[in-house]
Amino acid sequence: MTQVTFVGAGSVEFTRNVVTDLCGYPEFRNRLQLTLYDISAERLAHAERLASRISAQLGAGAAVTATRDRRAALAGAGYVINEVQVGGYAATRADFDIPARYGVRQTIADTIGIGGVFRGLRTIPVVTALARDMQDVCPDAYLLSYSNPMAMLPWAVYEGTGFSRVFGLCHSVRDTQAFLTGLVGADPDRVRFLTAGFNHQAWVLRFEQDGQSLYPKLAEVIDGSPGLRRRVRVEIFRRFGYFPTESSEHSAEYVPWFMRHDDQIERFSIFVGDYLARSEENLRELESLGHALDSAAPLDVEPTHELASLFIHALETGAEHELHVNIRNGGLISSLPDECCVEVPCAVGAGGPKPAPVGPLPPQLAALNRTFLNVVELTVRAALEESRERAYQAALLDPNTAATLTTTEIVAMCDDLFDAHRDFLPWAFAS
C-alpha cells in the first residue's frame, strides 16, 4: 500500500485534485491508503466524504481514514501533503484590513509583504511541529508542502528541525511556461525552458524553441499589445530582461514601485485585495461542493496533473517527471545563499528527486531576489527565535511596506497585527 497523508485535508482545492489524480492512476488501484487530518471536525468530515466518493466513482479501491490525531495520521505515511492555512479566512482578513488602515495596499499577502510576514509567523510553528512529528513517526516520508509562504516554510523546516525531506510545490512556474508558450505561438513539444529563483519570484532564464531564443518574439508580441504592457510582470520583464514566474498581482507587492502610487494602480490594472475575493470564492466553492456531495449525481473528477500527484507517481512507478521544487539551495543557485530556499528544476523518478544545479543568476535578478530574501530570512528567524524584534526588522525591510510607512508606523502596525493574531502565535510574541 502507498499511504498518503493530507494535513489540512479540509482544503477546498488541493485534497480534491490530488485524490482525483491518485485514484485515477491504474497502477494505484487497490493500493492507496488515504489518511486525512484536519483540526476542524467539520472540514475533516467533508474531506472524508469527498475522498471516499472520488475513490468509489473512479473504482480506485482506496482505503480512506480520517483522524484529528496528527501523529496517528502520520504513522505509516510515505508522503505527507501539507495544505494548512493557519487562522483561515479571518486571519487573512486581518492581514489585509489592519495594514489597509495604515495605508498599506496588498494584493495577495501570502508570500512577503506585511501579510506574508504574519502568515509566516502563524504557519512556521505549525509546519515545524509537523516536521518534528514526521521525524519521530515517519522519518523516511516526503513532506510535500503547498502552503504559503513557500519560500519560508521549507527553510524553517530544515533550519529548525531534524527533518530535511521537504519539497515545496507551486504551480507558478508551470503556469508561466504554458502562458509564454501560448503567447508566442510556439510548439509546446519543442519549447525548452530553464527557470529558477525564489518561489513567486523565479525567472525564465532560457526560453527557446529548437535552440533559438523566443525572447525576441515575446518582445514583439508585447510591443504590439497595449494590454500586456499594462501588466506588472511585463514591466518587470522590460526593466530586468527576464520574465518573472508569478502573476502581476503577486509581483506588484514584492517591490516598492507600484502599490503606494494611485496612478500606478490604475496604469497596471492592479487588483488591490485580490486574495480576499479569491478566498471568498473558495468558501462559496466549498459550500457548492458540499451540496454536490449531498446529491447522488457524479462528481466532476477530471485529472488535474497536480504536482504532488506527479511527484508520488514518479517515485512509486519510476515514470520520469520534471517538476519545479522549493528546497534548500546548497549551491544550486550559486549567487544566492546556501541556506535559503530556492525554486529549481528537479527530475523525479525511480532514483528519487534530483534537483538541477543552475549556476549564477544574472546580477540584476540576484539583486532583486535579495530584496525578497531579506524579508523571508528575517521572518524565518523571527519565528524560530520567537522574536518580535526580528519580525519588526522583516517588516521594516519589506519593499512595499517600507515605501509606504515610516519606521514608527511600521512597528505600530506590527503591534496591531500581533494583537489580532495572538491566538495563532507562540506566547513569546505576546510580550
Protein backbone atom coordinates (compact mmCIF):
# COMPACT_ATOMS: atom_id res chain seq x y z
CA MET A 1 0.00 0.00 0.00
CA THR A 2 1.04 3.57 -0.68
CA GLN A 3 -0.03 5.80 2.22
CA VAL A 4 -0.60 9.46 1.52
CA THR A 5 -1.49 11.64 4.50
CA PHE A 6 -3.19 15.01 3.98
CA VAL A 7 -2.56 17.62 6.69
CA GLY A 8 -5.11 20.41 6.49
CA ALA A 9 -7.24 18.00 4.46
CA GLY A 10 -10.20 20.38 4.50
CA SER A 11 -8.52 22.47 1.81
CA VAL A 12 -11.01 23.26 -0.96
CA GLU A 13 -8.68 22.64 -3.90
CA PHE A 14 -5.65 20.50 -3.18
CA THR A 15 -7.23 17.50 -1.46
CA ARG A 16 -9.80 17.14 -4.26
CA ASN A 17 -7.22 17.47 -7.02
CA VAL A 18 -4.57 15.18 -5.55
CA VAL A 19 -7.08 12.50 -4.56
CA THR A 20 -8.64 12.63 -8.02
CA ASP A 21 -5.27 12.19 -9.70
CA LEU A 22 -4.07 9.41 -7.40
CA CYS A 23 -7.31 7.49 -7.72
CA GLY A 24 -7.13 7.84 -11.49
CA TYR A 25 -3.75 6.13 -11.83
CA PRO A 26 -4.36 2.46 -12.76
CA GLU A 27 -1.09 1.49 -11.03
CA PHE A 28 -2.56 2.60 -7.69
CA ARG A 29 -5.84 0.66 -7.91
CA ASN A 30 -6.45 -1.09 -4.59
CA ARG A 31 -3.04 0.17 -3.43
CA LEU A 32 -3.86 3.53 -1.85
CA GLN A 33 -4.25 4.42 1.79
CA LEU A 34 -5.54 7.99 2.01
CA THR A 35 -5.32 9.35 5.54
CA LEU A 36 -6.92 12.71 6.28
CA TYR A 37 -6.12 15.05 9.16
CA ASP A 38 -7.57 18.45 10.00
CA ILE A 39 -8.14 20.39 13.22
CA SER A 40 -11.70 21.22 12.07
CA ALA A 41 -14.12 18.34 12.60
CA GLU A 42 -16.49 19.82 10.01
CA ARG A 43 -13.80 20.24 7.36
CA LEU A 44 -12.41 16.78 8.11
CA ALA A 45 -15.81 15.13 7.67
CA HIS A 46 -16.24 16.97 4.37
CA ALA A 47 -12.81 15.77 3.17
CA GLU A 48 -13.56 12.18 4.17
CA ARG A 49 -16.83 12.18 2.23
CA LEU A 50 -15.11 13.74 -0.76
CA ALA A 51 -12.18 11.31 -0.87
CA SER A 52 -14.47 8.31 -0.42
CA ARG A 53 -16.79 9.47 -3.21
CA ILE A 54 -13.89 10.10 -5.61
CA SER A 55 -12.38 6.68 -4.92
CA ALA A 56 -15.73 4.94 -5.43
CA GLN A 57 -16.55 6.88 -8.59
CA LEU A 58 -13.17 6.09 -10.16
CA GLY A 59 -13.10 2.49 -8.95
CA ALA A 60 -9.80 3.07 -7.17
CA GLY A 61 -10.48 0.89 -4.14
CA ALA A 62 -8.63 3.34 -1.90
CA ALA A 63 -8.83 2.93 1.85
CA VAL A 64 -9.88 6.29 3.33
CA THR A 65 -9.49 7.15 7.01
CA ALA A 66 -9.86 10.42 8.90
CA THR A 67 -8.49 11.48 12.27
CA ARG A 68 -7.90 14.59 14.34
CA ASP A 69 -4.80 12.97 15.90
CA ARG A 70 -1.87 14.20 13.82
CA ARG A 71 0.69 11.63 14.92
CA ALA A 72 -1.80 8.84 14.26
CA ALA A 73 -2.37 10.28 10.78
CA LEU A 74 1.37 10.27 10.10
CA ALA A 75 2.00 6.70 11.22
CA GLY A 76 2.96 4.62 8.18
CA ALA A 77 2.89 7.53 5.73
CA GLY A 78 5.16 7.54 2.71
CA TYR A 79 4.02 11.00 1.65
CA VAL A 80 2.59 13.85 3.70
CA ILE A 81 0.86 16.69 1.88
CA ASN A 82 0.77 19.96 3.79
CA GLU A 83 -2.16 22.24 2.95
CA VAL A 84 -2.58 24.19 6.20
CA GLN A 85 -3.75 27.79 6.33
CA VAL A 86 -3.40 28.82 9.95
CA GLY A 87 -6.25 31.07 11.05
CA GLY A 88 -8.23 30.62 7.85
CA TYR A 89 -10.16 33.44 6.24
CA ALA A 90 -10.47 35.51 9.43
CA ALA A 91 -6.69 35.72 9.84
CA THR A 92 -6.26 36.56 6.16
CA ARG A 93 -8.85 39.31 6.53
CA ALA A 94 -6.85 40.81 9.41
CA ASP A 95 -3.65 40.64 7.31
CA PHE A 96 -5.37 42.93 4.80
CA ASP A 97 -7.58 45.13 6.95
CA ILE A 98 -5.06 46.23 9.58
CA PRO A 99 -2.33 47.28 7.10
CA ALA A 100 -5.01 48.99 5.00
CA ARG A 101 -5.81 51.25 7.96
CA TYR A 102 -2.18 52.37 7.85
CA GLY A 103 -2.32 52.94 4.09
CA VAL A 104 -0.52 49.73 3.04
CA ARG A 105 -2.12 48.18 -0.02
CA GLN A 106 -1.75 44.47 -0.75
CA THR A 107 -2.95 42.11 -3.44
CA ILE A 108 -2.31 38.55 -2.19
CA ALA A 109 -0.44 38.97 1.15
CA ASP A 110 0.80 35.38 1.40
CA THR A 111 4.48 35.48 0.43
CA ILE A 112 6.35 38.58 1.61
CA GLY A 113 4.80 41.95 2.41
CA ILE A 114 3.36 42.58 5.83
CA GLY A 115 0.69 39.93 5.23
CA GLY A 116 3.31 37.38 4.23
CA VAL A 117 5.35 38.13 7.35
CA PHE A 118 2.43 37.44 9.67
CA ARG A 119 1.23 34.46 7.69
CA GLY A 120 4.75 33.10 8.09
CA LEU A 121 4.80 33.76 11.83
CA ARG A 122 1.50 31.88 12.19
CA THR A 123 2.40 28.99 9.92
CA ILE A 124 6.05 28.23 10.66
CA PRO A 125 5.40 26.88 14.20
CA VAL A 126 2.70 24.56 12.87
CA VAL A 127 4.78 23.22 10.00
CA THR A 128 7.94 22.76 12.08
CA ALA A 129 5.87 20.86 14.67
CA LEU A 130 4.55 18.68 11.84
CA ALA A 131 8.11 18.04 10.64
CA ARG A 132 9.22 17.06 14.15
CA ASP A 133 6.34 14.59 14.34
CA MET A 134 7.38 13.20 10.97
CA GLN A 135 10.96 12.81 12.20
CA ASP A 136 9.59 10.68 15.05
CA VAL A 137 6.78 8.80 13.31
CA CYS A 138 7.62 8.53 9.58
CA PRO A 139 11.23 9.73 9.09
CA ASP A 140 11.51 8.28 5.58
CA ALA A 141 8.38 10.02 4.29
CA TYR A 142 8.39 13.04 1.99
CA LEU A 143 6.77 16.26 3.13
CA LEU A 144 5.17 17.86 0.06
CA SER A 145 4.14 21.36 1.04
CA TYR A 146 1.63 23.54 -0.79
CA SER A 147 1.17 26.11 1.95
CA ASN A 148 2.43 29.66 1.67
CA PRO A 149 4.68 31.48 2.37
CA MET A 150 6.56 28.77 0.48
CA ALA A 151 9.96 30.43 0.43
CA MET A 152 9.80 30.47 4.24
CA LEU A 153 8.31 27.12 5.22
CA PRO A 154 10.85 24.58 3.87
CA TRP A 155 13.65 26.86 5.11
CA ALA A 156 12.16 26.84 8.59
CA VAL A 157 11.79 23.06 8.50
CA TYR A 158 15.41 22.27 7.63
CA GLU A 159 16.78 25.13 9.76
CA GLY A 160 14.63 24.46 12.82
CA THR A 161 14.12 20.68 12.86
CA GLY A 162 15.99 17.48 12.17
CA PHE A 163 13.80 16.73 9.17
CA SER A 164 15.02 17.51 5.65
CA ARG A 165 12.84 15.57 3.18
CA VAL A 166 10.68 18.61 2.48
CA PHE A 167 9.73 19.83 -1.00
CA GLY A 168 7.60 22.90 -1.66
CA LEU A 169 5.32 22.61 -4.70
CA CYS A 170 3.75 25.53 -6.58
CA HIS A 171 2.02 25.95 -9.95
CA SER A 172 3.58 29.31 -10.85
CA VAL A 173 6.49 28.02 -12.96
CA ARG A 174 4.37 25.55 -14.91
CA ASP A 175 1.62 28.12 -15.49
CA THR A 176 4.08 30.80 -16.61
CA GLN A 177 5.81 28.47 -19.04
CA ALA A 178 2.47 27.50 -20.57
CA PHE A 179 1.43 31.15 -20.74
CA LEU A 180 4.62 32.20 -22.55
CA THR A 181 4.43 29.27 -24.97
CA GLY A 182 0.89 30.24 -25.95
CA LEU A 183 1.69 33.93 -26.12
CA VAL A 184 4.33 33.47 -28.83
CA GLY A 185 2.52 30.63 -30.60
CA ALA A 186 5.30 28.12 -30.01
CA ASP A 187 5.04 24.32 -30.15
CA PRO A 188 4.90 23.01 -26.56
CA ASP A 189 6.70 19.83 -27.58
CA ARG A 190 9.67 21.78 -28.94
CA VAL A 191 9.97 24.55 -26.36
CA ARG A 192 12.66 24.29 -23.70
CA PHE A 193 12.87 26.36 -20.53
CA LEU A 194 15.28 26.96 -17.70
CA THR A 195 13.51 28.62 -14.80
CA ALA A 196 14.84 29.27 -11.30
CA GLY A 197 14.90 31.72 -8.39
CA PHE A 198 12.61 32.03 -5.40
CA ASN A 199 9.05 30.81 -5.21
CA HIS A 200 6.83 33.60 -6.58
CA GLN A 201 9.92 35.43 -7.79
CA ALA A 202 11.68 32.98 -10.08
CA TRP A 203 12.89 33.84 -13.56
CA VAL A 204 12.60 32.33 -17.01
CA LEU A 205 16.32 32.22 -17.74
CA ARG A 206 16.04 30.35 -21.01
CA PHE A 207 13.03 30.27 -23.36
CA GLU A 208 13.88 28.50 -26.62
CA GLN A 209 12.43 26.52 -29.49
CA ASP A 210 14.80 24.29 -31.46
CA GLY A 211 17.73 26.05 -29.78
CA GLN A 212 16.62 29.56 -30.77
CA SER A 213 15.65 32.08 -28.11
CA LEU A 214 11.97 33.04 -28.12
CA TYR A 215 12.59 36.20 -26.12
CA PRO A 216 12.80 38.40 -29.27
CA LYS A 217 9.42 37.05 -30.38
CA LEU A 218 7.99 37.70 -26.90
CA ALA A 219 9.23 41.30 -27.04
CA GLU A 220 7.48 41.75 -30.41
CA VAL A 221 4.22 40.40 -29.03
CA ILE A 222 4.41 42.72 -26.03
CA ASP A 223 5.24 45.74 -28.16
CA GLY A 224 2.10 45.08 -30.18
CA SER A 225 -0.20 44.68 -27.17
CA PRO A 226 -1.16 47.72 -25.05
CA GLY A 227 -2.96 45.33 -22.68
CA LEU A 228 0.18 43.31 -21.96
CA ARG A 229 2.17 46.48 -21.39
CA ARG A 230 -0.27 47.33 -18.60
CA ARG A 231 0.78 44.32 -16.52
CA VAL A 232 3.31 44.47 -13.69
CA ARG A 233 5.13 41.27 -14.62
CA VAL A 234 5.60 42.58 -18.16
CA GLU A 235 7.01 45.85 -16.80
CA ILE A 236 9.46 43.84 -14.68
CA PHE A 237 10.44 41.84 -17.77
CA ARG A 238 11.03 45.03 -19.75
CA ARG A 239 13.19 46.58 -16.99
CA PHE A 240 15.14 43.48 -15.90
CA GLY A 241 15.33 41.48 -19.12
CA TYR A 242 13.84 38.18 -17.92
CA PHE A 243 10.23 37.17 -17.39
CA PRO A 244 9.13 36.57 -13.76
CA THR A 245 7.12 33.48 -12.93
CA GLU A 246 4.48 34.99 -10.72
CA SER A 247 1.34 36.88 -11.67
CA SER A 248 1.23 40.66 -11.82
CA GLU A 249 -0.96 40.69 -8.71
CA HIS A 250 1.69 38.84 -6.71
CA SER A 251 4.64 40.65 -8.25
CA ALA A 252 3.28 44.14 -7.58
CA GLU A 253 3.52 43.77 -3.79
CA TYR A 254 7.09 42.42 -3.72
CA VAL A 255 8.67 45.64 -4.95
CA PRO A 256 8.47 49.33 -3.91
CA TRP A 257 7.32 50.90 -7.18
CA PHE A 258 3.61 50.21 -7.60
CA MET A 259 1.29 49.73 -4.64
CA ARG A 260 1.69 53.11 -2.94
CA HIS A 261 1.00 55.12 -6.11
CA ASP A 262 -2.58 55.69 -7.25
CA ASP A 263 -1.53 56.27 -10.84
CA GLN A 264 0.46 53.00 -10.92
CA ILE A 265 -2.50 51.05 -9.53
CA GLU A 266 -4.56 52.38 -12.44
CA ARG A 267 -1.84 52.12 -15.09
CA PHE A 268 -1.02 48.48 -14.33
CA SER A 269 -4.59 47.36 -13.53
CA ILE A 270 -3.62 46.14 -10.06
CA PHE A 271 -6.43 44.40 -8.17
CA VAL A 272 -5.96 45.55 -4.56
CA GLY A 273 -7.34 42.91 -2.20
CA ASP A 274 -7.37 40.21 -4.89
CA TYR A 275 -6.80 37.35 -2.46
CA LEU A 276 -9.78 38.32 -0.34
CA ALA A 277 -12.00 37.88 -3.38
CA ARG A 278 -10.34 34.54 -4.15
CA SER A 279 -10.81 33.38 -0.56
CA GLU A 280 -14.48 34.27 -0.61
CA GLU A 281 -14.87 32.36 -3.88
CA ASN A 282 -13.18 29.35 -2.26
CA LEU A 283 -15.69 29.45 0.58
CA ARG A 284 -18.54 29.50 -1.94
CA GLU A 285 -16.90 26.60 -3.79
CA LEU A 286 -16.65 24.63 -0.54
CA GLU A 287 -20.37 25.15 0.05
CA SER A 288 -21.18 24.15 -3.53
CA LEU A 289 -19.07 21.01 -3.23
CA GLY A 290 -20.95 20.13 -0.05
CA HIS A 291 -24.22 20.30 -1.97
CA ALA A 292 -22.72 18.09 -4.68
CA LEU A 293 -21.73 15.52 -2.06
CA ASP A 294 -25.30 15.55 -0.74
CA SER A 295 -26.64 14.58 -4.15
CA ALA A 296 -26.31 11.29 -5.98
CA ALA A 297 -25.01 12.92 -9.16
CA PRO A 298 -21.44 12.05 -10.20
CA LEU A 299 -18.73 14.49 -9.16
CA ASP A 300 -16.52 16.29 -11.65
CA VAL A 301 -13.37 14.21 -11.30
CA GLU A 302 -11.27 15.10 -14.31
CA PRO A 303 -7.49 14.61 -13.77
CA THR A 304 -5.60 17.78 -12.88
CA HIS A 305 -1.97 16.57 -13.09
CA GLU A 306 -1.41 18.11 -9.69
CA LEU A 307 2.27 18.43 -8.74
CA ALA A 308 2.10 16.26 -5.62
CA SER A 309 0.34 13.55 -7.63
CA LEU A 310 3.09 13.61 -10.26
CA PHE A 311 5.80 13.51 -7.56
CA ILE A 312 4.23 10.48 -5.87
CA HIS A 313 3.54 8.71 -9.16
CA ALA A 314 7.12 9.24 -10.33
CA LEU A 315 8.67 7.80 -7.17
CA GLU A 316 6.25 4.89 -6.92
CA THR A 317 6.33 3.81 -10.59
CA GLY A 318 9.66 5.13 -11.91
CA ALA A 319 7.93 7.27 -14.53
CA GLU A 320 10.13 10.34 -15.07
CA HIS A 321 8.71 13.82 -14.47
CA GLU A 322 10.46 17.19 -14.38
CA LEU A 323 8.93 19.35 -11.69
CA HIS A 324 9.99 22.58 -10.06
CA VAL A 325 10.55 22.21 -6.35
CA ASN A 326 11.38 24.50 -3.45
CA ILE A 327 14.30 23.17 -1.43
CA ARG A 328 17.46 24.22 0.39
CA ASN A 329 19.77 25.97 -2.05
CA GLY A 330 23.08 24.35 -1.11
CA GLY A 331 24.82 25.81 -4.17
CA LEU A 332 22.08 25.08 -6.72
CA ILE A 333 21.90 28.82 -7.47
CA SER A 334 25.44 29.96 -6.79
CA SER A 335 24.63 33.68 -6.48
CA LEU A 336 22.17 33.11 -3.60
CA PRO A 337 22.98 31.97 -0.04
CA ASP A 338 23.31 28.25 0.56
CA GLU A 339 20.81 28.19 3.42
CA CYS A 340 17.89 29.86 1.64
CA CYS A 341 15.02 28.01 -0.04
CA VAL A 342 15.15 28.22 -3.85
CA GLU A 343 12.89 27.06 -6.66
CA VAL A 344 14.70 24.94 -9.25
CA PRO A 345 14.01 22.20 -11.81
CA CYS A 346 14.04 18.70 -10.40
CA ALA A 347 13.98 15.32 -12.16
CA VAL A 348 11.79 12.91 -10.20
CA GLY A 349 11.77 9.19 -10.95
CA ALA A 350 13.00 5.80 -9.79
CA GLY A 351 16.23 7.31 -8.48
CA GLY A 352 14.39 9.79 -6.28
CA PRO A 353 14.22 13.58 -6.64
CA LYS A 354 17.33 15.09 -8.28
CA PRO A 355 17.38 18.89 -8.32
CA ALA A 356 19.37 20.51 -11.13
CA PRO A 357 22.23 22.96 -10.45
CA VAL A 358 21.50 26.28 -12.16
CA GLY A 359 24.67 28.32 -11.58
CA PRO A 360 24.58 32.09 -11.02
CA LEU A 361 21.62 34.28 -11.86
CA PRO A 362 22.14 37.42 -13.94
CA PRO A 363 23.26 40.08 -11.44
CA GLN A 364 20.12 42.23 -11.71
CA LEU A 365 17.93 39.22 -10.94
CA ALA A 366 20.04 38.15 -7.97
CA ALA A 367 19.89 41.73 -6.69
CA LEU A 368 16.09 41.82 -6.88
CA ASN A 369 15.87 38.37 -5.30
CA ARG A 370 18.00 39.61 -2.40
CA THR A 371 15.40 42.27 -1.53
CA PHE A 372 12.85 39.42 -1.39
CA LEU A 373 15.26 37.24 0.60
CA ASN A 374 15.71 39.89 3.31
CA VAL A 375 12.08 39.60 4.37
CA VAL A 376 11.99 35.82 4.09
CA GLU A 377 15.14 35.26 6.15
CA LEU A 378 14.18 37.63 8.94
CA THR A 379 10.67 36.17 9.18
CA VAL A 380 12.08 32.65 9.44
CA ARG A 381 14.45 33.82 12.15
CA ALA A 382 11.65 35.69 13.93
CA ALA A 383 9.56 32.51 14.05
CA LEU A 384 12.36 30.16 15.07
CA GLU A 385 13.73 32.58 17.68
CA GLU A 386 10.22 33.74 18.72
CA SER A 387 11.49 37.30 18.42
CA ARG A 388 9.28 40.34 17.95
CA GLU A 389 12.38 42.39 17.09
CA ARG A 390 13.15 40.10 14.15
CA ALA A 391 9.55 40.44 12.98
CA TYR A 392 9.81 44.24 13.13
CA GLN A 393 13.02 44.03 11.13
CA ALA A 394 11.39 41.85 8.48
CA ALA A 395 8.58 44.37 8.12
CA LEU A 396 10.97 47.32 8.07
CA LEU A 397 12.87 45.76 5.18
CA ASP A 398 9.82 44.77 3.18
CA PRO A 399 9.92 46.83 -0.06
CA ASN A 400 6.23 47.73 -0.30
CA THR A 401 5.80 48.39 3.41
CA ALA A 402 8.97 50.48 3.62
CA ALA A 403 7.93 52.53 0.59
CA THR A 404 4.64 53.39 2.28
CA LEU A 405 5.25 53.94 6.01
CA THR A 406 7.74 55.39 8.48
CA THR A 407 9.64 53.17 10.91
CA THR A 408 7.34 54.19 13.77
CA GLU A 409 4.23 53.42 11.75
CA ILE A 410 5.57 50.02 10.70
CA VAL A 411 6.24 48.97 14.30
CA ALA A 412 2.79 50.18 15.39
CA MET A 413 1.17 48.23 12.56
CA CYS A 414 3.07 45.11 13.58
CA ASP A 415 1.91 45.53 17.16
CA ASP A 416 -1.70 45.68 15.97
CA LEU A 417 -1.18 42.52 13.94
CA PHE A 418 0.47 40.74 16.86
CA ASP A 419 -2.59 41.56 18.92
CA ALA A 420 -5.02 40.43 16.20
CA HIS A 421 -3.21 37.10 15.73
CA ARG A 422 -2.37 36.36 19.35
CA ASP A 423 -4.44 33.13 19.35
CA PHE A 424 -2.34 31.74 16.49
CA LEU A 425 1.14 32.79 17.65
CA PRO A 426 3.54 31.41 20.26
CA TRP A 427 3.15 33.06 23.66
CA ALA A 428 6.55 34.77 23.33
CA PHE A 429 5.12 37.12 20.71
CA ALA A 430 2.61 38.47 23.22
CA SER A 431 5.29 40.36 25.13
